[in-house]
Amino acid sequence: MRLIVRDDPPAVGDYIANYIVKRINDFSPTAEKPFVLGLPTGSSPIPTYQRLIKLHKEGKVSYEPPRALPVSCIFELAFQVQACRYLQHG
């Protein structure tokens, strides 16, 4: 794991948004092979989302086909899977 330090929230948002855009573009998503983006909630990711919107408007990234999942749902799904396994196998 790397620790990336930036001076302020906009700088963090720029760094993370550029990283996400590179990952999406390198992945080359299609309808058959979508890129699924986990979206955290709260106010901390707002600078990142603002920068992602700007990069999209500049034509530097496409979110087609759209696939996004709030991170809270990921944890909920993981809990449900663990609960189901427990109920099936004891």
C-alpha atoms as a PDB file:
ATOM      1  CA  MET A   1       0.000   0.000   0.000  1.00  0.00           C
ATOM      2  CA  ARG A   2       1.203   3.510  -0.837  1.00  0.00           C
ATOM      3  CA  LEU A   3       0.532   6.674   1.095  1.00  0.00           C
ATOM      4  CA  ILE A   4       0.053   9.638  -1.240  1.00  0.00           C
ATOM      5  CA  VAL A   5       0.095  13.022   0.504  1.00  0.00           C
ATOM      6  CA  ARG A   6      -1.457  16.102  -1.098  1.00  0.00           C
ATOM      7  CA  ASP A   7      -1.787  19.638   0.256  1.00  0.00           C
ATOM      8  CA  ASP A   8      -5.569  20.061   0.125  1.00  0.00           C
ATOM      9  CA  PRO A   9      -8.825  18.314  -0.822  1.00  0.00           C
ATOM     10  CA  PRO A  10      -8.855  19.603  -4.436  1.00  0.00           C
ATOM     11  CA  ALA A  11      -5.341  18.233  -4.970  1.00  0.00           C
ATOM     12  CA  VAL A  12      -6.446  14.882  -3.557  1.00  0.00           C
ATOM     13  CA  GLY A  13      -9.513  14.928  -5.821  1.00  0.00           C
ATOM     14  CA  ASP A  14      -7.362  15.662  -8.881  1.00  0.00           C
ATOM     15  CA  TYR A  15      -4.925  12.863  -8.093  1.00  0.00           C
ATOM     16  CA  ILE A  16      -7.602  10.257  -7.423  1.00  0.00           C
ATOM     17  CA  ALA A  17      -9.798  11.275 -10.366  1.00  0.00           C
ATOM     18  CA  ASN A  18      -6.852  11.090 -12.764  1.00  0.00           C
ATOM     19  CA  TYR A  19      -5.976   7.661 -11.365  1.00  0.00           C
ATOM     20  CA  ILE A  20      -9.565   6.434 -11.835  1.00  0.00           C
ATOM     21  CA  VAL A  21      -9.742   7.812 -15.383  1.00  0.00           C
ATOM     22  CA  LYS A  22      -6.484   6.082 -16.302  1.00  0.00           C
ATOM     23  CA  ARG A  23      -7.785   2.787 -14.909  1.00  0.00           C
ATOM     24  CA  ILE A  24     -11.073   3.121 -16.823  1.00  0.00           C
ATOM     25  CA  ASN A  25      -9.354   4.039 -20.092  1.00  0.00           C
ATOM     26  CA  ASP A  26      -6.723   1.293 -19.742  1.00  0.00           C
ATOM     27  CA  PHE A  27      -9.504  -1.215 -19.042  1.00  0.00           C
ATOM     28  CA  SER A  28     -11.409  -0.244 -22.246  1.00  0.00           C
ATOM     29  CA  PRO A  29     -14.876  -1.170 -20.970  1.00  0.00           C
ATOM     30  CA  THR A  30     -17.542  -2.629 -23.246  1.00  0.00           C
ATOM     31  CA  ALA A  31     -21.122  -3.776 -22.702  1.00  0.00           C
ATOM     32  CA  GLU A  32     -19.771  -7.308 -22.285  1.00  0.00           C
ATOM     33  CA  LYS A  33     -16.872  -6.218 -20.076  1.00  0.00           C
ATOM     34  CA  PRO A  34     -18.034  -3.254 -17.974  1.00  0.00           C
ATOM     35  CA  PHE A  35     -15.838  -1.326 -15.589  1.00  0.00           C
ATOM     36  CA  VAL A  36     -17.533  -1.339 -12.177  1.00  0.00           C
ATOM     37  CA  LEU A  37     -16.764   1.696 -10.079  1.00  0.00           C
ATOM     38  CA  GLY A  38     -17.343   1.506  -6.316  1.00  0.00           C
ATOM     39  CA  LEU A  39     -18.549   4.906  -5.108  1.00  0.00           C
ATOM     40  CA  PRO A  40     -17.977   5.859  -1.469  1.00  0.00           C
ATOM     41  CA  THR A  41     -20.552   8.088   0.153  1.00  0.00           C
ATOM     42  CA  GLY A  42     -20.125  11.128   2.387  1.00  0.00           C
ATOM     43  CA  SER A  43     -18.385  14.435   1.814  1.00  0.00           C
ATOM     44  CA  SER A  44     -14.775  13.209   1.520  1.00  0.00           C
ATOM     45  CA  PRO A  45     -15.054  11.999  -2.101  1.00  0.00           C
ATOM     46  CA  ILE A  46     -16.778  15.179  -3.357  1.00  0.00           C
ATOM     47  CA  PRO A  47     -13.567  16.763  -4.783  1.00  0.00           C
ATOM     48  CA  THR A  48     -12.891  13.527  -6.662  1.00  0.00           C
ATOM     49  CA  TYR A  49     -16.426  13.415  -8.066  1.00  0.00           C
ATOM     50  CA  GLN A  50     -16.165  17.074  -9.120  1.00  0.00           C
ATOM     51  CA  ARG A  51     -12.946  16.339 -10.996  1.00  0.00           C
ATOM     52  CA  LEU A  52     -14.396  13.169 -12.572  1.00  0.00           C
ATOM     53  CA  ILE A  53     -17.313  15.231 -13.888  1.00  0.00           C
ATOM     54  CA  LYS A  54     -14.913  17.823 -15.315  1.00  0.00           C
ATOM     55  CA  LEU A  55     -12.781  15.152 -17.000  1.00  0.00           C
ATOM     56  CA  HIS A  56     -15.931  13.636 -18.523  1.00  0.00           C
ATOM     57  CA  LYS A  57     -17.060  17.031 -19.859  1.00  0.00           C
ATOM     58  CA  GLU A  58     -13.578  17.510 -21.357  1.00  0.00           C
ATOM     59  CA  GLY A  59     -14.004  14.185 -23.195  1.00  0.00           C
ATOM     60  CA  LYS A  60     -11.143  12.484 -21.366  1.00  0.00           C
ATOM     61  CA  VAL A  61     -13.277   9.624 -20.073  1.00  0.00           C
ATOM     62  CA  SER A  62     -16.543   7.911 -20.894  1.00  0.00           C
ATOM     63  CA  TYR A  63     -18.714   6.233 -18.312  1.00  0.00           C
ATOM     64  CA  GLU A  64     -20.469   4.085 -20.900  1.00  0.00           C
ATOM     65  CA  PRO A  65     -21.636   1.481 -20.260  1.00  0.00           C
ATOM     66  CA  PRO A  66     -22.418   2.784 -16.787  1.00  0.00           C
ATOM     67  CA  ARG A  67     -21.718   0.487 -13.873  1.00  0.00           C
ATOM     68  CA  ALA A  68     -21.441   1.928 -10.402  1.00  0.00           C
ATOM     69  CA  LEU A  69     -22.107   0.526  -6.987  1.00  0.00           C
ATOM     70  CA  PRO A  70     -22.181   2.518  -3.754  1.00  0.00           C
ATOM     71  CA  VAL A  71     -19.558   1.161  -1.380  1.00  0.00           C
ATOM     72  CA  SER A  72     -22.204   0.810   1.331  1.00  0.00           C
ATOM     73  CA  CYS A  73     -23.918  -1.741  -0.933  1.00  0.00           C
ATOM     74  CA  ILE A  74     -20.675  -3.660  -1.345  1.00  0.00           C
ATOM     75  CA  PHE A  75     -20.380  -4.078   2.414  1.00  0.00           C
ATOM     76  CA  GLU A  76     -24.051  -5.017   2.625  1.00  0.00           C
ATOM     77  CA  LEU A  77     -23.603  -7.629  -0.111  1.00  0.00           C
ATOM     78  CA  ALA A  78     -20.514  -9.024   1.596  1.00  0.00           C
ATOM     79  CA  PHE A  79     -22.434  -9.313   4.866  1.00  0.00           C
ATOM     80  CA  GLN A  80     -25.331 -11.038   3.103  1.00  0.00           C
ATOM     81  CA  VAL A  81     -22.963 -13.528   1.459  1.00  0.00           C
ATOM     82  CA  GLN A  82     -21.321 -14.297   4.819  1.00  0.00           C
ATOM     83  CA  ALA A  83     -24.736 -14.683   6.456  1.00  0.00           C
ATOM     84  CA  CYS A  84     -25.915 -17.032   3.716  1.00  0.00           C
ATOM     85  CA  ARG A  85     -22.760 -19.143   4.000  1.00  0.00           C
ATOM     86  CA  TYR A  86     -23.185 -19.326   7.763  1.00  0.00           C
ATOM     87  CA  LEU A  87     -26.816 -20.389   7.440  1.00  0.00           C
ATOM     88  CA  GLN A  88     -25.920 -22.993   4.786  1.00  0.00           C
ATOM     89  CA  HIS A  89     -22.897 -24.452   6.514  1.00  0.00           C
ATOM     90  CA  GLY A  90     -23.330 -23.556  10.161  1.00  0.00           C
END
